[in-house]
C-alpha cells in the first residue's frame, strides 16, 4: 500500500483501531523435492572438500553461492541471497539396500521474503512454478518438474500500520482466543509486549503477532522493508543506519504446513493456485482460530469476533478478495488402522486360542485355524453376526455411517 499525503509530512503514529494495511504476501516458502539421487550432494560436497569445517559455519563463497553447514538433518546448505537449499546423502539412491529403503529425505528449498518479492507472482501459478523450477536448476537439480515437490510450509504475513504491540492486552488474547490451539504465550523487551504466539512451530498452523520494526532492527533489513512497503518517499525521514523508524508497524503471520496438514488440493507445488491460497487464508482466519470479545456465554464458539480481528479479516479480504473464496478443507483418514501392533496382538491371541482348542479336543498339537474358528462359531454367538455388530460400530465411529435425512 502506498501512503498518501505530503512526502515532507509523513503521518504520525495512528493508535487504537485506526489502523491500515501495509502489505499482504507470502513471507517464506519451504518446498521439499522428492529427489532420489546423490549426484547434486556429491557435486557441492566436492566443492568444499578442502575447506575447514569451522569455515563452513561462516560460509564458503563458491561461484554465485555460499556453501554452509546444513541443519534439520541435512548435511549441507547452499545459499543464493535468501534462497537456500538443504542437501543430504540420505536419499533413495543410497538407502536402497538398507532398512530405510524408500525413506530418502530429498532436498529442501527455502525461499525468503526477498526472493519471493522479486520472483514470485502468486496470481499466476505457471509463472510462480517456473520461477521455483529455475531456482532448483540454479542449485543443480535438473528437470525439477519431473519430481513431486511438497509444499512443506508457507508463511502468510500481513503488515499493519499504526498497530503498537506494546498496547496490546495479553490477557485479552489469552482469555479471548477461540480456536484449535490453546497454547498462547508472549514475549517482551524492556518490559514492553513485543509479540504473541499461538500454537506450536511444529503444528499445522502457527500464528504470531509481533513488532515488525523491532524485528527489522534485529535482522538488519529495514531498507528492504521500506522498499517493500513502497515507502521510498519517506526514506529521507527514516534513519536506516540506526534502524530507527518513527511509525508503529505490527505483523500478523501464519506459518502453515499444507502437506502435513493434508489440505485438499494444496499439498504439492503442482496443486498450487491463487484460489487455493485464498482458501488457506480463509481457513486460518475463520476456522483455525480468532480473537473474540470475552463473554459470559459458556459456548465460546458463539462469542463475537474482536474488533481487531475483524480489521485483520477485512484487510486480508480486501487485498486477496477472500469474500468470494471457499474455506480450505483437510483430508482426514478416519478408518481405523490395521497397525503392526494390532496384527501382532491378533496373532498372539489366535496362537493361544489354537493351543487351547487343540488341548480341549484331545490333540497332541494346536488345532488348525479353521478348526479353531469352527469351534468358536459353535460355542459363541454367530461370528458373522458379531462381526457385523462390530463393523456397524466402527463404521459410525469413523464418521462414515449413514447420515440422517
Protein backbone atom coordinates (compact mmCIF):
# COMPACT_ATOMS: atom_id res chain seq x y z
CA UNK A 1 0.00 0.00 0.00
CA UNK A 2 1.40 3.37 -0.96
CA UNK A 3 0.96 6.08 1.66
CA UNK A 4 -0.99 9.16 0.70
CA UNK A 5 -0.14 12.67 1.72
CA UNK A 6 2.79 15.02 1.63
CA UNK A 7 6.16 13.29 1.50
CA UNK A 8 7.57 16.04 3.71
CA UNK A 9 4.86 15.33 6.28
CA UNK A 10 4.64 11.59 6.89
CA UNK A 11 1.60 10.82 9.00
CA UNK A 12 2.06 10.33 12.70
CA UNK A 13 1.55 7.07 14.54
CA UNK A 14 -2.10 6.02 14.43
CA UNK A 15 -3.14 4.26 17.61
CA UNK A 16 -6.09 2.16 18.66
CA UNK A 17 -8.10 0.57 15.86
CA UNK A 18 -7.45 3.38 13.41
CA UNK A 19 -5.01 1.16 11.58
CA UNK A 20 -4.27 0.42 7.93
CA UNK A 21 -2.83 -2.48 5.94
CA UNK A 22 0.65 -2.02 4.53
CA UNK A 23 1.34 -5.29 2.77
CA UNK A 24 -0.07 -8.80 2.46
CA UNK A 25 2.04 -11.55 0.93
CA UNK A 26 3.93 -14.81 1.27
CA UNK A 27 6.89 -14.27 3.58
CA UNK A 28 8.52 -17.71 3.44
CA UNK A 29 8.06 -20.86 1.40
CA UNK A 30 9.57 -24.28 2.18
CA UNK A 31 9.44 -26.90 -0.58
CA UNK A 32 10.67 -30.50 -0.32
CA UNK A 33 11.55 -32.05 -3.67
CA UNK A 34 11.49 -35.85 -3.62
CA UNK A 35 14.82 -36.00 -5.44
CA UNK A 36 16.22 -39.56 -5.21
CA UNK A 37 19.81 -39.19 -6.42
CA UNK A 38 23.11 -38.44 -4.69
CA UNK A 39 24.73 -36.52 -7.57
CA UNK A 40 23.83 -32.97 -6.50
CA UNK A 41 25.02 -33.52 -2.94
CA UNK A 42 28.30 -35.01 -4.16
CA UNK A 43 28.87 -32.12 -6.55
CA UNK A 44 28.66 -29.44 -3.85
CA UNK A 45 30.40 -31.61 -1.27
CA UNK A 46 33.36 -31.92 -3.64
CA UNK A 47 33.49 -28.12 -3.98
CA UNK A 48 34.32 -27.81 -0.27
CA UNK A 49 36.48 -30.91 0.10
CA UNK A 50 39.45 -28.84 1.31
CA UNK A 51 37.50 -26.21 3.26
CA UNK A 52 37.92 -26.42 7.08
CA UNK A 53 34.67 -27.31 8.87
CA UNK A 54 34.87 -24.18 11.01
CA UNK A 55 34.88 -22.09 7.85
CA UNK A 56 31.54 -23.58 6.82
CA UNK A 57 29.83 -22.14 9.90
CA UNK A 58 30.52 -18.67 8.45
CA UNK A 59 30.06 -19.78 4.87
CA UNK A 60 32.38 -20.50 1.94
CA UNK A 61 31.87 -18.46 -1.28
CA UNK A 62 31.73 -20.66 -4.38
CA UNK A 63 30.67 -19.43 -7.82
CA UNK A 64 27.48 -17.38 -7.24
CA UNK A 65 26.66 -19.15 -3.98
CA UNK A 66 27.67 -19.51 -0.36
CA UNK A 67 28.08 -23.03 0.99
CA UNK A 68 27.43 -23.63 4.68
CA UNK A 69 26.84 -26.47 7.10
CA UNK A 70 23.40 -28.00 7.00
CA UNK A 71 20.58 -28.24 9.53
CA UNK A 72 17.34 -30.13 10.17
CA UNK A 73 19.16 -33.40 9.50
CA UNK A 74 20.67 -32.20 6.21
CA UNK A 75 24.45 -32.18 5.87
CA UNK A 76 24.94 -29.20 3.58
CA UNK A 77 23.26 -25.91 2.64
CA UNK A 78 23.65 -23.76 -0.46
CA UNK A 79 22.67 -20.08 -0.35
CA UNK A 80 21.87 -17.52 -3.01
CA UNK A 81 20.51 -14.40 -1.36
CA UNK A 82 17.72 -15.55 0.94
CA UNK A 83 17.09 -18.64 -1.18
CA UNK A 84 18.77 -21.76 0.13
CA UNK A 85 18.68 -25.48 -0.47
CA UNK A 86 19.46 -28.16 2.11
CA UNK A 87 21.12 -31.31 0.77
CA UNK A 88 21.91 -34.73 2.22
CA UNK A 89 23.46 -38.04 1.26
CA UNK A 90 20.45 -39.79 2.85
CA UNK A 91 18.50 -40.10 -0.40
CA UNK A 92 16.70 -43.04 -2.02
CA UNK A 93 19.76 -43.97 -4.09
CA UNK A 94 21.99 -44.53 -1.05
CA UNK A 95 19.27 -46.10 1.12
CA UNK A 96 18.05 -48.58 -1.48
CA UNK A 97 19.70 -51.66 0.09
CA UNK A 98 19.13 -50.67 3.71
CA UNK A 99 16.28 -50.94 6.22
CA UNK A 100 15.43 -47.32 5.38
CA UNK A 101 14.77 -48.02 1.71
CA UNK A 102 12.22 -45.54 0.35
CA UNK A 103 12.79 -43.07 3.20
CA UNK A 104 15.09 -40.68 1.33
CA UNK A 105 14.99 -37.08 2.56
CA UNK A 106 15.20 -35.45 -0.87
CA UNK A 107 16.23 -31.78 -0.87
CA UNK A 108 14.60 -28.88 0.99
CA UNK A 109 14.33 -25.49 -0.75
CA UNK A 110 13.65 -22.48 1.48
CA UNK A 111 12.66 -19.18 -0.13
CA UNK A 112 12.69 -15.96 1.89
CA UNK A 113 10.81 -12.66 1.50
CA UNK A 114 13.40 -11.02 -0.77
CA UNK A 115 13.32 -13.87 -3.28
CA UNK A 116 9.53 -14.08 -3.09
CA UNK A 117 9.12 -10.33 -3.57
CA UNK A 118 11.34 -10.37 -6.66
CA UNK A 119 10.28 -13.58 -8.39
CA UNK A 120 7.01 -14.95 -7.01
CA UNK A 121 3.92 -13.98 -8.99
CA UNK A 122 1.36 -15.61 -6.73
CA UNK A 123 -1.52 -14.64 -9.04
CA UNK A 124 -0.06 -16.67 -11.92
CA UNK A 125 0.54 -20.32 -10.97
CA UNK A 126 2.54 -21.19 -14.10
CA UNK A 127 4.95 -18.28 -13.66
CA UNK A 128 5.16 -18.96 -9.93
CA UNK A 129 6.12 -22.59 -10.50
CA UNK A 130 8.58 -21.77 -13.28
CA UNK A 131 10.45 -19.28 -11.06
CA UNK A 132 10.81 -22.04 -8.47
CA UNK A 133 11.99 -24.56 -11.06
CA UNK A 134 14.63 -22.07 -12.22
CA UNK A 135 15.92 -21.75 -8.66
CA UNK A 136 16.11 -25.54 -8.30
CA UNK A 137 18.11 -25.67 -11.53
CA UNK A 138 20.48 -22.99 -10.29
CA UNK A 139 21.20 -25.19 -7.29
CA UNK A 140 21.97 -28.10 -9.61
CA UNK A 141 18.74 -30.13 -9.79
CA UNK A 142 17.97 -30.72 -13.45
CA UNK A 143 14.35 -31.14 -14.56
CA UNK A 144 12.82 -30.43 -11.11
CA UNK A 145 9.35 -30.51 -12.64
CA UNK A 146 9.79 -34.28 -13.07
CA UNK A 147 9.73 -34.89 -9.30
CA UNK A 148 6.99 -34.42 -6.68
CA UNK A 149 7.55 -31.18 -4.76
CA UNK A 150 5.76 -30.94 -1.42
CA UNK A 151 4.59 -27.62 -0.01
CA UNK A 152 6.06 -28.21 3.44
CA UNK A 153 5.45 -24.73 4.81
CA UNK A 154 4.06 -21.42 3.63
CA UNK A 155 4.03 -18.23 5.73
CA UNK A 156 1.31 -15.66 5.07
CA UNK A 157 2.17 -12.22 6.52
CA UNK A 158 0.08 -9.09 6.93
CA UNK A 159 1.90 -5.88 7.93
CA UNK A 160 -0.32 -3.41 9.77
CA UNK A 161 0.46 0.29 10.03
CA UNK A 162 -0.38 2.01 13.32
CA UNK A 163 -0.70 -1.13 15.47
CA UNK A 164 1.56 -0.99 18.53
CA UNK A 165 2.20 -4.37 20.13
CA UNK A 166 3.13 -2.59 23.37
CA UNK A 167 -0.51 -1.50 23.69
CA UNK A 168 -1.98 -4.99 23.29
CA UNK A 169 -3.61 -6.60 26.32
CA UNK A 170 -2.17 -10.10 26.55
CA UNK A 171 -4.89 -11.26 28.96
CA UNK A 172 -7.44 -10.29 26.31
CA UNK A 173 -5.71 -12.65 23.87
CA UNK A 174 -5.17 -15.44 26.39
CA UNK A 175 -8.80 -15.44 27.51
CA UNK A 176 -10.44 -14.35 24.28
CA UNK A 177 -8.77 -16.67 21.79
CA UNK A 178 -11.18 -19.25 20.37
CA UNK A 179 -9.65 -21.85 18.13
CA UNK A 180 -7.97 -25.18 17.59
CA UNK A 181 -4.90 -24.30 19.63
CA UNK A 182 -4.98 -23.07 23.21
CA UNK A 183 -1.21 -22.72 23.54
CA UNK A 184 -0.72 -18.95 23.86
CA UNK A 185 2.39 -17.14 25.03
CA UNK A 186 4.04 -13.75 24.68
CA UNK A 187 7.46 -12.15 24.67
CA UNK A 188 8.64 -8.72 25.71
CA UNK A 189 11.61 -6.36 25.57
CA UNK A 190 12.39 -3.75 28.20
CA UNK A 191 9.08 -4.51 29.86
CA UNK A 192 7.04 -3.86 26.70
CA UNK A 193 4.98 -6.55 24.98
CA UNK A 194 6.56 -7.18 21.58
CA UNK A 195 4.84 -10.35 20.40
CA UNK A 196 2.17 -13.01 20.89
CA UNK A 197 2.45 -16.64 19.79
CA UNK A 198 -0.41 -19.12 19.35
CA UNK A 199 0.11 -22.79 18.62
CA UNK A 200 3.33 -24.72 18.09
CA UNK A 201 6.03 -24.02 15.47
CA UNK A 202 5.75 -27.70 14.55
CA UNK A 203 1.96 -27.64 14.28
CA UNK A 204 -0.17 -27.47 11.16
CA UNK A 205 -0.75 -23.75 11.81
CA UNK A 206 1.30 -21.40 13.98
CA UNK A 207 0.33 -17.76 14.48
CA UNK A 208 2.43 -14.80 15.59
CA UNK A 209 1.64 -11.11 16.02
CA UNK A 210 4.78 -9.09 16.62
CA UNK A 211 6.60 -5.77 16.35
CA UNK A 212 7.90 -5.75 12.77
CA UNK A 213 10.07 -2.67 13.29
CA UNK A 214 11.87 -4.33 16.19
CA UNK A 215 12.44 -7.46 14.15
CA UNK A 216 13.81 -5.44 11.23
CA UNK A 217 16.39 -3.96 13.59
CA UNK A 218 17.44 -7.45 14.65
CA UNK A 219 17.59 -8.75 11.06
CA UNK A 220 19.20 -5.58 9.64
CA UNK A 221 16.76 -5.49 6.74
CA UNK A 222 14.87 -2.25 7.35
CA UNK A 223 15.96 -0.87 3.96
CA UNK A 224 14.38 -3.84 2.19
CA UNK A 225 11.08 -3.44 4.00
CA UNK A 226 10.93 0.28 3.27
CA UNK A 227 11.02 -0.58 -0.43
CA UNK A 228 8.57 -3.48 0.02
CA UNK A 229 6.14 -1.11 1.71
CA UNK A 230 6.61 1.45 -1.10
CA UNK A 231 7.98 3.99 1.36
CA UNK A 232 10.76 5.30 -0.86
CA UNK A 233 9.41 8.83 -0.48
CA UNK A 234 9.84 8.58 3.30
CA UNK A 235 13.40 7.24 3.18
CA UNK A 236 14.86 10.68 3.95
CA UNK A 237 12.78 10.80 7.13
CA UNK A 238 13.96 7.41 8.36
CA UNK A 239 17.31 6.69 9.98
CA UNK A 240 18.11 3.40 8.26
CA UNK A 241 21.66 3.25 9.60
CA UNK A 242 20.38 3.19 13.18
CA UNK A 243 17.25 1.19 12.23
CA UNK A 244 15.01 3.96 13.50
CA UNK A 245 11.54 4.29 12.03
CA UNK A 246 9.05 6.74 13.61
CA UNK A 247 6.00 4.55 13.00
CA UNK A 248 4.36 1.57 14.71
CA UNK A 249 4.08 -1.50 12.49
CA UNK A 250 2.92 -4.94 13.61
CA UNK A 251 2.96 -8.14 11.62
CA UNK A 252 0.27 -10.85 11.76
CA UNK A 253 1.85 -14.05 10.44
CA UNK A 254 0.56 -17.56 9.95
CA UNK A 255 3.00 -20.43 9.34
CA UNK A 256 1.05 -23.20 7.63
CA UNK A 257 2.20 -26.75 6.81
CA UNK A 258 -0.07 -27.80 3.91
CA UNK A 259 1.50 -31.22 3.26
CA UNK A 260 1.45 -32.40 6.88
CA UNK A 261 -1.97 -30.81 7.47
CA UNK A 262 -3.32 -32.67 4.42
CA UNK A 263 -5.06 -29.69 2.88
CA UNK A 264 -7.05 -30.83 -0.12
CA UNK A 265 -5.57 -29.71 -3.44
CA UNK A 266 -2.71 -27.78 -1.83
CA UNK A 267 -0.14 -30.37 -0.77
CA UNK A 268 2.18 -30.26 -3.80
CA UNK A 269 3.57 -27.44 -5.92
CA UNK A 270 1.69 -28.76 -8.93
CA UNK A 271 -1.52 -28.19 -6.92
CA UNK A 272 -0.74 -24.51 -6.35
CA UNK A 273 -3.32 -21.94 -7.45
CA UNK A 274 -4.09 -18.49 -6.13
CA UNK A 275 -7.61 -19.73 -5.39
CA UNK A 276 -6.08 -22.42 -3.21
CA UNK A 277 -4.03 -19.79 -1.38
CA UNK A 278 -7.20 -17.76 -0.81
CA UNK A 279 -8.89 -20.81 0.69
CA UNK A 280 -5.94 -21.43 3.01
CA UNK A 281 -6.12 -17.79 4.16
CA UNK A 282 -9.85 -18.15 4.86
CA UNK A 283 -9.15 -21.31 6.86
CA UNK A 284 -6.65 -19.68 9.22
CA UNK A 285 -8.76 -16.52 9.57
CA UNK A 286 -12.14 -18.10 10.18
CA UNK A 287 -11.78 -21.76 11.10
CA UNK A 288 -8.42 -22.36 12.77
CA UNK A 289 -8.83 -19.56 15.32
CA UNK A 290 -9.87 -15.98 16.01
CA UNK A 291 -9.66 -13.35 18.71
CA UNK A 292 -13.05 -12.80 20.36
CA UNK A 293 -14.64 -10.36 22.75
CA UNK A 294 -14.84 -12.16 26.09
CA UNK A 295 -18.39 -13.09 27.01
CA UNK A 296 -20.26 -14.88 29.79
CA UNK A 297 -21.69 -17.29 27.22
CA UNK A 298 -20.30 -20.74 28.01
CA UNK A 299 -20.38 -21.60 24.30
CA UNK A 300 -17.21 -19.83 23.19
CA UNK A 301 -17.98 -20.56 19.54
CA UNK A 302 -20.81 -18.01 19.82
CA UNK A 303 -18.56 -15.21 21.08
CA UNK A 304 -18.38 -12.15 18.86
CA UNK A 305 -15.21 -11.59 16.85
CA UNK A 306 -12.98 -8.95 18.45
CA UNK A 307 -12.82 -5.59 16.58
CA UNK A 308 -9.07 -6.03 15.98
CA UNK A 309 -9.58 -9.44 14.40
CA UNK A 310 -12.43 -8.01 12.33
CA UNK A 311 -9.97 -5.43 10.99
CA UNK A 312 -7.41 -8.12 10.18
CA UNK A 313 -10.07 -10.13 8.35
CA UNK A 314 -11.21 -7.02 6.50
CA UNK A 315 -7.67 -6.12 5.38
CA UNK A 316 -6.99 -9.61 4.05
CA UNK A 317 -10.38 -9.97 2.42
CA UNK A 318 -9.90 -6.72 0.53
CA UNK A 319 -6.31 -7.45 -0.53
CA UNK A 320 -6.89 -11.04 -1.66
CA UNK A 321 -10.66 -10.89 -2.41
CA UNK A 322 -11.36 -13.61 0.14
CA UNK A 323 -15.10 -12.99 0.33
CA UNK A 324 -15.60 -14.88 -2.94
CA UNK A 325 -13.32 -17.78 -1.96
CA UNK A 326 -14.16 -21.02 -0.16
CA UNK A 327 -12.53 -22.23 3.06
CA UNK A 328 -9.83 -24.87 2.64
CA UNK A 329 -10.63 -28.35 3.90
CA UNK A 330 -8.32 -31.02 5.26
CA UNK A 331 -8.30 -34.72 4.37
CA UNK A 332 -8.55 -36.95 7.41
CA UNK A 333 -8.19 -40.74 7.29
CA UNK A 334 -10.79 -41.81 9.82
CA UNK A 335 -10.67 -45.51 9.03
CA UNK A 336 -9.16 -47.47 11.95
CA UNK A 337 -5.62 -48.60 11.17
CA UNK A 338 -4.69 -52.28 10.97
CA UNK A 339 -1.44 -51.46 12.71
CA UNK A 340 1.54 -53.80 13.27
CA UNK A 341 0.69 -53.72 16.99
CA UNK A 342 -2.91 -54.79 16.28
CA UNK A 343 -1.79 -57.59 13.94
CA UNK A 344 0.82 -58.77 16.43
CA UNK A 345 -1.78 -58.85 19.20
CA UNK A 346 -4.18 -60.80 16.98
CA UNK A 347 -1.51 -63.34 16.02
CA UNK A 348 -0.71 -63.90 19.71
CA UNK A 349 -4.37 -64.32 20.66
CA UNK A 350 -5.03 -66.68 17.75
CA UNK A 351 -1.99 -68.81 18.58
CA UNK A 352 -3.10 -69.07 22.21
CA UNK A 353 -6.64 -69.97 21.16
CA UNK A 354 -5.44 -72.66 18.75
CA UNK A 355 -3.37 -74.21 21.54
CA UNK A 356 -6.33 -74.24 23.96
CA UNK A 357 -8.77 -75.66 21.42
CA UNK A 358 -6.26 -78.36 20.50
CA UNK A 359 -5.97 -79.41 24.16
CA UNK A 360 -9.78 -79.29 24.56
CA UNK A 361 -10.22 -81.56 21.52
CA UNK A 362 -7.61 -84.01 22.85
CA UNK A 363 -4.98 -83.30 20.22
CA UNK A 364 -1.25 -83.53 20.82
CA UNK A 365 -0.80 -80.37 18.75
CA UNK A 366 -2.56 -77.00 18.33
CA UNK A 367 -5.84 -77.01 16.39
CA UNK A 368 -5.74 -75.54 12.90
CA UNK A 369 -7.06 -72.01 12.34
CA UNK A 370 -10.11 -73.44 10.51
CA UNK A 371 -10.87 -75.87 13.36
CA UNK A 372 -10.45 -73.11 15.94
CA UNK A 373 -12.84 -70.73 14.14
CA UNK A 374 -15.40 -73.52 13.70
CA UNK A 375 -15.17 -74.38 17.42
CA UNK A 376 -15.64 -70.72 18.41
CA UNK A 377 -18.55 -70.42 15.99
CA UNK A 378 -20.36 -73.32 17.66
CA UNK A 379 -19.65 -72.21 21.22
CA UNK A 380 -20.47 -68.48 20.95
CA UNK A 381 -22.79 -66.07 19.18
CA UNK A 382 -22.67 -66.45 15.43
CA UNK A 383 -19.32 -64.98 14.32
CA UNK A 384 -20.86 -63.26 11.30
CA UNK A 385 -23.46 -61.56 13.49
CA UNK A 386 -20.81 -60.44 15.98
CA UNK A 387 -18.57 -59.16 13.17
CA UNK A 388 -21.48 -57.21 11.66
CA UNK A 389 -22.28 -55.60 15.02
CA UNK A 390 -18.65 -54.54 15.48
CA UNK A 391 -18.49 -53.30 11.87
CA UNK A 392 -21.55 -51.08 12.38
CA UNK A 393 -19.96 -49.55 15.49
CA UNK A 394 -16.57 -48.92 13.82
CA UNK A 395 -18.29 -47.53 10.71
CA UNK A 396 -20.08 -44.88 12.75
CA UNK A 397 -17.06 -44.05 14.89
CA UNK A 398 -15.09 -43.42 11.70
CA UNK A 399 -17.67 -40.85 10.56
CA UNK A 400 -18.77 -42.95 7.57
CA UNK A 401 -22.08 -44.20 8.94
CA UNK A 402 -25.44 -43.48 7.40
CA UNK A 403 -26.36 -39.80 7.55
CA UNK A 404 -29.75 -38.73 8.80
CA UNK A 405 -32.05 -37.32 6.16
